[in-house]
Protein backbone atom coordinates (compact mmCIF):
# COMPACT_ATOMS: atom_id res chain seq x y z
CA UNK A 1 61.54 5.86 11.67
CA UNK A 2 63.62 5.00 8.62
CA UNK A 3 62.56 5.56 4.83
CA UNK A 4 61.92 2.02 4.21
CA UNK A 5 59.17 1.73 6.95
CA UNK A 6 57.56 5.19 5.87
CA UNK A 7 57.41 3.83 2.59
CA UNK A 8 55.42 0.85 3.95
CA UNK A 9 52.79 2.66 6.01
CA UNK A 10 52.25 4.77 3.04
CA UNK A 11 51.42 1.75 0.80
CA UNK A 12 49.55 0.27 3.57
CA UNK A 13 47.33 3.31 3.84
CA UNK A 14 46.64 3.53 0.04
CA UNK A 15 45.78 -0.40 0.12
CA UNK A 16 43.29 0.30 2.80
CA UNK A 17 41.58 3.36 1.31
CA UNK A 18 41.95 2.38 -2.53
CA UNK A 19 38.46 0.51 -2.52
CA UNK A 20 36.70 3.56 -1.31
CA UNK A 21 38.82 5.94 -3.68
CA UNK A 22 38.45 3.90 -6.65
CA UNK A 23 34.51 3.66 -6.02
CA UNK A 24 34.08 7.25 -6.26
CA UNK A 25 34.63 6.88 -10.17
CA UNK A 26 31.68 4.50 -10.42
CA UNK A 27 28.00 5.09 -9.99
CA UNK A 28 26.84 4.52 -6.19
CA UNK A 29 24.04 2.19 -5.25
CA UNK A 30 21.51 3.08 -2.92
CA UNK A 31 20.40 0.76 0.05
CA UNK A 32 17.13 1.71 1.65
CA UNK A 33 15.85 -0.38 4.54
CA UNK A 34 12.10 0.23 5.62
CA UNK A 35 11.09 -0.63 8.90
CA UNK A 36 7.26 -0.58 9.65
CA UNK A 37 5.36 -0.84 12.84
CA UNK A 38 2.80 -3.69 12.40
CA UNK A 39 1.28 -3.33 15.85
CA UNK A 40 -2.79 -3.17 15.87
CA UNK A 41 -2.86 0.54 15.47
CA UNK A 42 -0.94 0.43 12.21
CA UNK A 43 -3.26 -0.75 9.55
CA UNK A 44 -3.54 2.66 7.87
CA UNK A 45 0.32 2.86 7.77
CA UNK A 46 0.39 -0.50 6.16
CA UNK A 47 -2.38 0.42 3.62
CA UNK A 48 -0.35 3.46 2.94
CA UNK A 49 2.92 1.08 2.33
CA UNK A 50 1.02 -0.87 -0.04
CA UNK A 51 -0.67 1.80 -2.28
CA UNK A 52 2.41 4.35 -2.40
CA UNK A 53 5.35 1.77 -2.77
CA UNK A 54 5.38 2.25 -6.28
CA UNK A 55 5.28 5.88 -6.07
CA UNK A 56 7.95 5.95 -3.82
CA UNK A 57 10.41 3.95 -5.81
CA UNK A 58 9.47 5.67 -8.71
CA UNK A 59 10.18 9.22 -7.59
CA UNK A 60 13.75 7.80 -6.79
CA UNK A 61 14.03 6.46 -10.36
CA UNK A 62 13.07 9.48 -12.09
CA UNK A 63 15.38 11.75 -10.06
CA UNK A 64 18.39 9.24 -9.66
CA UNK A 65 18.40 7.37 -13.14
CA UNK A 66 21.56 8.76 -14.40
CA UNK A 67 23.20 8.75 -11.14
CA UNK A 68 22.75 5.44 -9.30
CA UNK A 69 24.07 2.17 -10.72
CA UNK A 70 21.55 0.08 -8.66
CA UNK A 71 18.68 0.36 -5.77
CA UNK A 72 18.18 -2.04 -3.18
CA UNK A 73 15.38 -2.11 -0.95
CA UNK A 74 14.95 -4.19 2.47
CA UNK A 75 11.83 -4.40 4.49
CA UNK A 76 11.20 -5.15 8.30
CA UNK A 77 8.29 -5.40 10.50
CA UNK A 78 8.31 -4.81 14.28
CA UNK A 79 5.91 -4.33 16.99
CA UNK A 80 3.78 -7.48 16.07
CA UNK A 81 2.84 -9.84 18.93
CA UNK A 82 2.92 -12.79 16.62
CA UNK A 83 6.48 -12.39 16.14
CA UNK A 84 9.28 -13.73 18.47
CA UNK A 85 9.59 -12.15 22.01
CA UNK A 86 13.22 -13.26 22.13
CA UNK A 87 13.96 -11.30 18.94
CA UNK A 88 12.16 -8.03 20.12
CA UNK A 89 9.04 -8.72 18.14
CA UNK A 90 11.13 -7.95 14.64
CA UNK A 91 11.26 -9.84 11.57
CA UNK A 92 13.47 -9.16 8.46
CA UNK A 93 10.72 -9.59 6.04
CA UNK A 94 12.85 -9.36 3.08
CA UNK A 95 16.62 -8.46 2.97
CA UNK A 96 18.45 -6.27 0.39
CA UNK A 97 17.08 -6.95 -3.06
CA UNK A 98 16.78 -5.24 -6.43
CA UNK A 99 13.68 -7.41 -6.99
CA UNK A 100 10.92 -4.83 -6.04
CA UNK A 101 8.25 -7.12 -7.05
CA UNK A 102 9.23 -9.42 -4.05
CA UNK A 103 9.07 -6.36 -1.74
CA UNK A 104 5.57 -5.58 -2.97
CA UNK A 105 4.43 -9.41 -2.48
CA UNK A 106 5.79 -9.15 0.95
CA UNK A 107 3.97 -5.79 1.69
CA UNK A 108 0.61 -7.50 0.78
CA UNK A 109 1.24 -10.33 3.16
CA UNK A 110 1.61 -8.21 6.28
CA UNK A 111 -1.03 -8.00 9.04
CA UNK A 112 -1.04 -6.17 12.28
CA UNK A 113 -1.47 -7.62 15.78
CA UNK A 114 -0.80 -6.12 19.32
CA UNK A 115 2.77 -5.94 20.36
CA UNK A 116 5.42 -4.02 22.05
CA UNK A 117 7.36 -1.46 19.60
CA UNK A 118 10.88 -1.34 20.31
CA UNK A 119 12.23 1.17 17.59
CA UNK A 120 16.02 1.16 18.72
CA UNK A 121 16.11 -2.70 18.78
CA UNK A 122 14.73 -2.86 15.00
CA UNK A 123 17.25 -0.33 13.92
CA UNK A 124 20.08 -2.42 15.67
CA UNK A 125 18.49 -5.43 14.05
CA UNK A 126 18.89 -3.89 10.47
CA UNK A 127 22.28 -2.86 10.90
CA UNK A 128 23.47 -6.13 12.22
CA UNK A 129 21.40 -8.36 9.71
CA UNK A 130 21.49 -6.51 6.30
CA UNK A 131 24.56 -6.78 4.15
CA UNK A 132 25.28 -2.86 3.99
CA UNK A 133 27.80 -1.73 1.46
CA UNK A 134 30.99 -0.58 3.01
CA UNK A 135 31.95 2.02 0.38
CA UNK A 136 31.92 5.63 1.20
CA UNK A 137 29.99 6.43 -2.22
CA UNK A 138 27.13 4.45 -1.58
CA UNK A 139 23.65 5.81 -0.27
CA UNK A 140 22.58 3.90 3.05
CA UNK A 141 19.78 4.72 4.82
CA UNK A 142 16.86 3.43 7.22
CA UNK A 143 13.21 4.82 7.30
CA UNK A 144 11.33 3.69 10.40
CA UNK A 145 7.64 4.65 10.71
CA UNK A 146 5.55 4.20 14.09
CA UNK A 147 3.95 5.72 16.81
CA UNK A 148 5.23 4.71 20.38
CA UNK A 149 8.03 6.31 22.00
CA UNK A 150 11.20 5.91 20.62
CA UNK A 151 13.07 4.87 23.61
CA UNK A 152 11.12 1.73 24.51
CA UNK A 153 13.01 -1.48 24.74
CA UNK A 154 16.37 -2.80 26.06
CA UNK A 155 18.58 -1.12 23.66
CA UNK A 156 19.29 2.57 24.00
CA UNK A 157 17.96 4.54 21.08
CA UNK A 158 21.08 7.04 21.17
CA UNK A 159 23.39 4.03 20.81
CA UNK A 160 21.20 2.78 18.17
CA UNK A 161 21.56 5.81 16.14
CA UNK A 162 25.09 6.25 16.79
CA UNK A 163 25.81 2.86 15.44
CA UNK A 164 24.19 3.44 12.27
CA UNK A 165 25.93 6.81 11.89
CA UNK A 166 29.17 5.15 12.54
CA UNK A 167 28.24 2.86 9.66
CA UNK A 168 27.56 5.72 7.33
CA UNK A 169 23.80 4.86 7.41
CA UNK A 170 21.42 7.77 7.92
CA UNK A 171 18.10 7.23 9.84
CA UNK A 172 15.10 9.12 8.78
CA UNK A 173 12.25 8.76 11.49
CA UNK A 174 8.37 9.01 10.79
CA UNK A 175 6.12 9.33 13.56
CA UNK A 176 2.41 8.71 12.96
CA UNK A 177 0.95 11.31 15.24
CA UNK A 178 1.36 14.81 16.00
CA UNK A 179 4.81 16.46 15.82
CA UNK A 180 4.76 17.42 19.43
CA UNK A 181 4.12 13.93 20.47
CA UNK A 182 6.84 12.52 18.05
CA UNK A 183 9.36 15.16 20.02
CA UNK A 184 8.04 13.93 23.45
CA UNK A 185 8.61 10.24 22.42
CA UNK A 186 12.35 11.13 21.04
CA UNK A 187 11.60 10.45 17.38
CA UNK A 188 13.37 13.70 16.55
CA UNK A 189 16.36 13.06 18.60
CA UNK A 190 16.78 9.40 17.00
CA UNK A 191 16.78 11.01 13.41
CA UNK A 192 18.90 13.91 14.63
CA UNK A 193 21.90 11.65 16.11
CA UNK A 194 22.01 9.68 12.71
CA UNK A 195 22.11 12.74 10.57
CA UNK A 196 18.36 12.01 9.30
CA UNK A 197 15.15 13.83 9.10
CA UNK A 198 12.29 13.72 11.52
CA UNK A 199 8.68 13.91 9.89
CA UNK A 200 5.34 13.32 10.78
CA UNK A 201 2.30 11.56 9.07
CA UNK A 202 -1.27 10.69 9.68
CA UNK A 203 -1.12 7.06 9.02
CA UNK A 204 -4.87 7.11 8.61
CA UNK A 205 -4.93 9.62 5.92
CA UNK A 206 -6.04 8.54 2.64
CA UNK A 207 -4.37 9.34 -0.55
CA UNK A 208 -6.00 11.74 -3.06
CA UNK A 209 -7.05 9.74 -6.00
CA UNK A 210 -7.45 11.62 -9.32
CA UNK A 211 -7.52 10.46 -12.72
CA UNK A 212 -6.40 11.68 -16.16
CA UNK A 213 -7.05 11.40 -19.78
CA UNK A 214 -3.79 9.47 -20.15
CA UNK A 215 -4.62 6.71 -17.66
CA UNK A 216 -6.37 4.37 -19.85
CA UNK A 217 -3.73 4.36 -22.60
CA UNK A 218 -0.82 3.78 -19.86
CA UNK A 219 -2.88 0.66 -18.64
CA UNK A 220 -3.13 -0.70 -22.13
CA UNK A 221 0.66 -0.05 -22.63
CA UNK A 222 1.38 -2.11 -19.31
CA UNK A 223 -0.47 -4.92 -20.92
CA UNK A 224 1.59 -4.80 -24.03
CA UNK A 225 4.84 -4.25 -22.06
CA UNK A 226 3.98 -7.49 -20.01
CA UNK A 227 4.09 -9.40 -23.28
CA UNK A 228 7.80 -8.70 -23.78
CA UNK A 229 8.81 -10.55 -20.88
CA UNK A 230 10.52 -13.98 -21.57
CA UNK A 231 10.32 -16.34 -18.90
CA UNK A 232 13.33 -18.87 -18.81
CA UNK A 233 14.65 -21.36 -16.32
CA UNK A 234 12.80 -23.39 -13.80
CA UNK A 235 11.41 -20.51 -11.84
CA UNK A 236 10.61 -18.24 -14.99
CA UNK A 237 6.88 -19.04 -15.40
CA UNK A 238 6.16 -18.70 -11.59
CA UNK A 239 8.00 -15.47 -11.36
CA UNK A 240 6.17 -14.04 -14.24
CA UNK A 241 2.87 -15.26 -12.65
CA UNK A 242 3.93 -13.09 -9.47
CA UNK A 243 4.77 -9.94 -11.71
CA UNK A 244 1.28 -10.14 -13.16
CA UNK A 245 -0.02 -10.57 -9.44
CA UNK A 246 1.92 -7.64 -8.21
CA UNK A 247 0.14 -5.59 -11.02
CA UNK A 248 -3.22 -6.81 -9.96
CA UNK A 249 -2.11 -6.12 -6.15
CA UNK A 250 -1.46 -2.64 -7.05
CA UNK A 251 -4.69 -2.01 -9.31
CA UNK A 252 -6.69 -3.27 -6.21
CA UNK A 253 -4.97 -1.04 -3.86
CA UNK A 254 -5.04 2.18 -5.80
CA UNK A 255 -5.40 3.36 -9.33
CA UNK A 256 -2.54 5.89 -8.84
CA UNK A 257 -0.51 3.09 -7.57
CA UNK A 258 -1.16 0.98 -10.74
CA UNK A 259 -0.08 3.87 -12.94
CA UNK A 260 3.31 4.45 -10.75
CA UNK A 261 4.11 0.79 -11.05
CA UNK A 262 3.66 0.61 -14.91
CA UNK A 263 6.31 3.70 -15.04
CA UNK A 264 8.66 1.99 -12.73
CA UNK A 265 8.77 -0.97 -14.71
CA UNK A 266 10.29 1.19 -17.49
CA UNK A 267 13.02 2.40 -15.02
CA UNK A 268 16.55 0.96 -15.13
CA UNK A 269 15.95 -0.25 -11.55
CA UNK A 270 13.29 -2.70 -12.38
CA UNK A 271 15.30 -5.51 -13.49
CA UNK A 272 14.42 -9.25 -13.87
CA UNK A 273 17.63 -11.09 -14.94
CA UNK A 274 16.91 -14.17 -13.08
CA UNK A 275 13.87 -14.98 -15.03
CA UNK A 276 13.30 -12.73 -17.91
CA UNK A 277 15.55 -13.69 -20.76
CA UNK A 278 15.25 -10.23 -22.36
CA UNK A 279 16.88 -8.69 -19.19
CA UNK A 280 19.36 -11.27 -19.07
CA UNK A 281 20.57 -11.18 -22.58
CA UNK A 282 20.55 -7.45 -22.33
CA UNK A 283 23.07 -7.84 -19.30
CA UNK A 284 25.13 -10.64 -20.48
CA UNK A 285 25.03 -11.68 -24.04
CA UNK A 286 26.84 -14.88 -23.39
CA UNK A 287 23.79 -16.13 -21.30
CA UNK A 288 22.64 -18.01 -24.53
CA UNK A 289 25.76 -20.17 -24.28
CA UNK A 290 24.91 -21.31 -20.67
CA UNK A 291 21.26 -22.34 -21.16
CA UNK A 292 20.00 -25.79 -22.38
CA UNK A 293 17.02 -25.92 -24.88
CA UNK A 294 14.99 -27.05 -21.62
CA UNK A 295 15.72 -23.65 -20.00
CA UNK A 296 13.98 -21.72 -22.94
CA UNK A 297 10.42 -21.14 -23.52
CA UNK A 298 8.67 -23.50 -26.10
CA UNK A 299 8.53 -20.78 -28.91
CA UNK A 300 12.54 -20.38 -28.76
CA UNK A 301 13.35 -23.95 -28.34
CA UNK A 302 13.37 -24.88 -32.03
CA UNK A 303 15.37 -21.55 -33.02
CA UNK A 304 18.99 -21.56 -33.77
CA UNK A 305 21.17 -19.16 -31.54
CA UNK A 306 21.14 -16.67 -34.48
CA UNK A 307 17.30 -16.55 -34.83
CA UNK A 308 16.96 -16.17 -30.90
CA UNK A 309 19.52 -13.27 -31.02
CA UNK A 310 17.42 -11.56 -33.71
CA UNK A 311 13.93 -12.31 -31.56
CA UNK A 312 15.57 -10.87 -28.59
CA UNK A 313 16.72 -7.56 -30.39
CA UNK A 314 13.30 -7.18 -31.70
CA UNK A 315 11.82 -7.65 -28.28
CA UNK A 316 14.28 -5.21 -26.81
CA UNK A 317 13.24 -2.41 -29.62
CA UNK A 318 9.57 -3.29 -28.90
CA UNK A 319 9.86 -2.67 -24.99
CA UNK A 320 12.05 0.34 -25.48
CA UNK A 321 9.25 1.84 -27.78
CA UNK A 322 6.33 1.09 -25.32
CA UNK A 323 8.31 2.43 -22.23
CA UNK A 324 9.16 5.59 -24.31
CA UNK A 325 5.19 6.05 -25.04
CA UNK A 326 4.47 5.05 -21.13
CA UNK A 327 7.20 7.80 -19.94
CA UNK A 328 5.73 10.47 -22.36
CA UNK A 329 2.21 10.20 -21.13
CA UNK A 330 3.26 9.92 -17.49
CA UNK A 331 4.92 13.25 -17.91
CA UNK A 332 1.69 14.62 -19.63
CA UNK A 333 -0.23 13.19 -16.91
CA UNK A 334 1.63 14.84 -14.33
CA UNK A 335 1.36 18.21 -15.95
CA UNK A 336 -2.59 17.64 -16.19
CA UNK A 337 -2.59 16.63 -12.69
CA UNK A 338 -0.67 19.57 -11.29
CA UNK A 339 -3.28 21.94 -12.92
CA UNK A 340 -6.05 19.65 -11.24
CA UNK A 341 -4.68 18.97 -7.77
CA UNK A 342 -5.71 20.77 -4.66
CA UNK A 343 -2.95 22.77 -3.38
CA UNK A 344 -3.16 21.26 0.22
CA UNK A 345 -0.69 18.26 0.47
CA UNK A 346 -1.54 15.13 2.42
CA UNK A 347 0.99 14.15 5.45
CA UNK A 348 1.65 10.44 4.39
CA UNK A 349 4.37 7.97 3.98
CA UNK A 350 5.32 8.80 0.45
CA UNK A 351 5.29 12.60 1.12
CA UNK A 352 7.51 11.87 4.24
CA UNK A 353 9.69 9.49 2.57
CA UNK A 354 10.38 12.01 -0.57
CA UNK A 355 10.98 14.92 1.56
CA UNK A 356 13.54 13.07 3.46
CA UNK A 357 15.16 11.66 0.41
CA UNK A 358 15.46 15.00 -1.20
CA UNK A 359 17.17 16.34 1.85
CA UNK A 360 19.81 13.67 1.99
CA UNK A 361 20.58 13.75 -1.58
CA UNK A 362 20.91 17.47 -1.53
CA UNK A 363 23.45 17.09 1.31
CA UNK A 364 25.15 14.54 -0.56
CA UNK A 365 25.67 16.72 -3.56
CA UNK A 366 26.97 19.73 -1.35
CA UNK A 367 29.41 17.36 0.50
CA UNK A 368 30.86 16.04 -2.84
């Protein structure tokens, strides 16, 4: 081989790996797909997902706020007889999004109904249909929860898990039942092949609801926080109403979930740039030059650009002050509850997901 061709090969190799190498200098994103069994016996699982969603994402935001650039969440349901048999009784409910309100809204629309549960097919569908990152530095994971054997359906679960592994996607399995029952149904193998964790939960377990002296103040501050959102564009008002609706959904589902949601709204991963002018301007200062007067809320339409910037600056400072107080109260709340909480831990969806996340993130650090 001539020297000329050697250098050509070296250049091609560098060009091929350059995107992955350069991405290591940037903060990674995390992509998480949650696949939930919505067959008849899974009402408890869906209820846990509704009540614990904000606790799950809040755990992530508190642990990874200085390490992740973005958090994307996708939601699937499978095993519901109202879904298409041709598609394996599987449905992508929400594709990857950083709009967690959208995921919450979708969760509260889920219902259970009969069905055949094809775990491997669900995993394969999520791999094929979702826009997974191709960067080495990004975290990619699937959480699948259900109770029927893992080997049902036309797709081999080993092939599905190997396919995930080959795409850099870790699969965590959560069996709703006994540990031995999950092993007998190959849930442990499905996780092991894809470098994930196997855990079991009681899908009908109720979360422990405990109050603290800080709760009322956090609730009041959340109401004040809502007043700092400035809807703009044609969908601004409807999206703001959805935000308020998800506050109500969280509050009706559980007091704990409502508190967790208020705290997550103060995290760097709760962004509403598509409808909240405060977030949009914070991310792109030139956004005001692209908007017409009709795109702005009425109270800003008569202002000059300078006045709007002053208003947004004051609004940003107010939001930061409110969030600092919410986070401070939440930390005090956690210290209080740790002294009050019974030592026994419930085997719930949140506990299983947080445990698997901790293990995966620790493994990532060791391998860096």
